[in-house]
């Protein structure tokens, strides 16, 4: 498996994609997708071990500036992060 990074600073989109082969089967998937939107950091997808939101908080980003967008909108208020 190969890790591929895609950064689009102009649109505020950042992706970590894994791609490779397992025998005759092509494997690929998005490990991490983060975007900057409406003044917040939206975590669209996160399959990292510890979670990018945890790392951002450890680096000093306030929880209210992070949206766990992979959760449905009705679940987000139940998290310790911004609902939107």
C-alpha atoms as a PDB file:
ATOM      1  CA  UNK A   1       0.000   0.000   0.000  1.00  0.00           C
ATOM      2  CA  UNK A   2       1.132   3.494  -0.802  1.00  0.00           C
ATOM      3  CA  UNK A   3       0.076   6.643   1.049  1.00  0.00           C
ATOM      4  CA  UNK A   4      -0.819   9.552  -1.219  1.00  0.00           C
ATOM      5  CA  UNK A   5      -1.371  13.117  -0.060  1.00  0.00           C
ATOM      6  CA  UNK A   6      -3.583  15.610  -1.861  1.00  0.00           C
ATOM      7  CA  UNK A   7      -3.472  19.212  -0.629  1.00  0.00           C
ATOM      8  CA  UNK A   8      -5.647  21.903  -2.192  1.00  0.00           C
ATOM      9  CA  UNK A   9      -4.882  25.093  -0.270  1.00  0.00           C
ATOM     10  CA  UNK A  10      -7.024  27.186  -2.631  1.00  0.00           C
ATOM     11  CA  UNK A  11     -10.170  25.231  -1.714  1.00  0.00           C
ATOM     12  CA  UNK A  12      -9.127  24.164   1.795  1.00  0.00           C
ATOM     13  CA  UNK A  13      -9.260  20.422   1.053  1.00  0.00           C
ATOM     14  CA  UNK A  14      -6.737  17.911   2.410  1.00  0.00           C
ATOM     15  CA  UNK A  15      -6.727  14.156   1.829  1.00  0.00           C
ATOM     16  CA  UNK A  16      -4.661  11.122   2.746  1.00  0.00           C
ATOM     17  CA  UNK A  17      -5.400   8.244   0.380  1.00  0.00           C
ATOM     18  CA  UNK A  18      -4.079   4.672   0.531  1.00  0.00           C
ATOM     19  CA  UNK A  19      -3.680   2.843  -2.756  1.00  0.00           C
ATOM     20  CA  UNK A  20      -2.163  -0.453  -3.812  1.00  0.00           C
ATOM     21  CA  UNK A  21      -2.637  -4.075  -4.726  1.00  0.00           C
ATOM     22  CA  UNK A  22      -3.421  -7.269  -2.803  1.00  0.00           C
ATOM     23  CA  UNK A  23      -2.783 -10.029  -5.302  1.00  0.00           C
ATOM     24  CA  UNK A  24      -5.029  -9.288  -8.264  1.00  0.00           C
ATOM     25  CA  UNK A  25      -7.272  -6.920  -6.318  1.00  0.00           C
ATOM     26  CA  UNK A  26      -6.896  -3.151  -6.427  1.00  0.00           C
ATOM     27  CA  UNK A  27      -7.265  -1.548  -3.013  1.00  0.00           C
ATOM     28  CA  UNK A  28      -7.795   2.152  -2.430  1.00  0.00           C
ATOM     29  CA  UNK A  29      -9.554   4.321   0.044  1.00  0.00           C
ATOM     30  CA  UNK A  30      -9.609   7.643   1.784  1.00  0.00           C
ATOM     31  CA  UNK A  31      -7.897   7.460   5.164  1.00  0.00           C
ATOM     32  CA  UNK A  32      -8.349  11.119   6.027  1.00  0.00           C
ATOM     33  CA  UNK A  33     -10.319  13.993   4.510  1.00  0.00           C
ATOM     34  CA  UNK A  34     -10.256  17.395   6.204  1.00  0.00           C
ATOM     35  CA  UNK A  35     -11.612  20.639   4.820  1.00  0.00           C
ATOM     36  CA  UNK A  36     -11.697  24.220   5.981  1.00  0.00           C
ATOM     37  CA  UNK A  37     -15.223  25.584   5.763  1.00  0.00           C
ATOM     38  CA  UNK A  38     -17.127  28.443   7.378  1.00  0.00           C
ATOM     39  CA  UNK A  39     -14.239  29.219   9.754  1.00  0.00           C
ATOM     40  CA  UNK A  40     -14.023  25.673  11.116  1.00  0.00           C
ATOM     41  CA  UNK A  41     -12.073  22.479  10.480  1.00  0.00           C
ATOM     42  CA  UNK A  42     -14.467  19.841   9.104  1.00  0.00           C
ATOM     43  CA  UNK A  43     -13.261  16.268   9.539  1.00  0.00           C
ATOM     44  CA  UNK A  44     -15.135  14.564   6.700  1.00  0.00           C
ATOM     45  CA  UNK A  45     -13.509  11.152   7.091  1.00  0.00           C
ATOM     46  CA  UNK A  46     -10.959   9.838   9.553  1.00  0.00           C
ATOM     47  CA  UNK A  47      -9.641   6.291   9.712  1.00  0.00           C
ATOM     48  CA  UNK A  48      -6.405   7.216  11.504  1.00  0.00           C
ATOM     49  CA  UNK A  49      -5.490   5.377  14.680  1.00  0.00           C
ATOM     50  CA  UNK A  50      -5.862   8.236  17.176  1.00  0.00           C
ATOM     51  CA  UNK A  51      -8.024  10.589  15.142  1.00  0.00           C
ATOM     52  CA  UNK A  52      -7.005  13.912  13.640  1.00  0.00           C
ATOM     53  CA  UNK A  53      -9.435  15.791  15.915  1.00  0.00           C
ATOM     54  CA  UNK A  54      -7.570  14.529  18.983  1.00  0.00           C
ATOM     55  CA  UNK A  55      -4.260  15.592  17.459  1.00  0.00           C
ATOM     56  CA  UNK A  56      -5.636  19.039  16.593  1.00  0.00           C
ATOM     57  CA  UNK A  57      -6.873  19.522  20.176  1.00  0.00           C
ATOM     58  CA  UNK A  58      -3.463  18.384  21.492  1.00  0.00           C
ATOM     59  CA  UNK A  59      -1.902  21.072  19.271  1.00  0.00           C
ATOM     60  CA  UNK A  60      -4.135  23.774  20.774  1.00  0.00           C
ATOM     61  CA  UNK A  61      -7.081  23.953  18.370  1.00  0.00           C
ATOM     62  CA  UNK A  62     -10.289  24.604  20.363  1.00  0.00           C
ATOM     63  CA  UNK A  63     -12.892  21.815  20.165  1.00  0.00           C
ATOM     64  CA  UNK A  64     -15.513  24.361  19.089  1.00  0.00           C
ATOM     65  CA  UNK A  65     -13.474  24.949  15.902  1.00  0.00           C
ATOM     66  CA  UNK A  66     -13.629  21.271  14.861  1.00  0.00           C
ATOM     67  CA  UNK A  67     -16.676  19.619  13.271  1.00  0.00           C
ATOM     68  CA  UNK A  68     -16.849  15.830  13.119  1.00  0.00           C
ATOM     69  CA  UNK A  69     -18.662  15.902   9.781  1.00  0.00           C
ATOM     70  CA  UNK A  70     -18.619  12.107   9.455  1.00  0.00           C
ATOM     71  CA  UNK A  71     -21.350  12.052  12.127  1.00  0.00           C
ATOM     72  CA  UNK A  72     -24.937  12.833  11.083  1.00  0.00           C
ATOM     73  CA  UNK A  73     -25.985  16.418  11.931  1.00  0.00           C
ATOM     74  CA  UNK A  74     -28.343  15.230  14.697  1.00  0.00           C
ATOM     75  CA  UNK A  75     -25.488  13.341  16.430  1.00  0.00           C
ATOM     76  CA  UNK A  76     -22.899  16.146  16.320  1.00  0.00           C
ATOM     77  CA  UNK A  77     -24.376  18.118  19.249  1.00  0.00           C
ATOM     78  CA  UNK A  78     -23.831  15.010  21.396  1.00  0.00           C
ATOM     79  CA  UNK A  79     -20.059  15.083  20.759  1.00  0.00           C
ATOM     80  CA  UNK A  80     -17.590  17.330  22.536  1.00  0.00           C
ATOM     81  CA  UNK A  81     -16.897  19.132  19.257  1.00  0.00           C
ATOM     82  CA  UNK A  82     -18.739  21.788  17.245  1.00  0.00           C
ATOM     83  CA  UNK A  83     -22.086  20.688  15.774  1.00  0.00           C
ATOM     84  CA  UNK A  84     -21.421  22.736  12.609  1.00  0.00           C
END
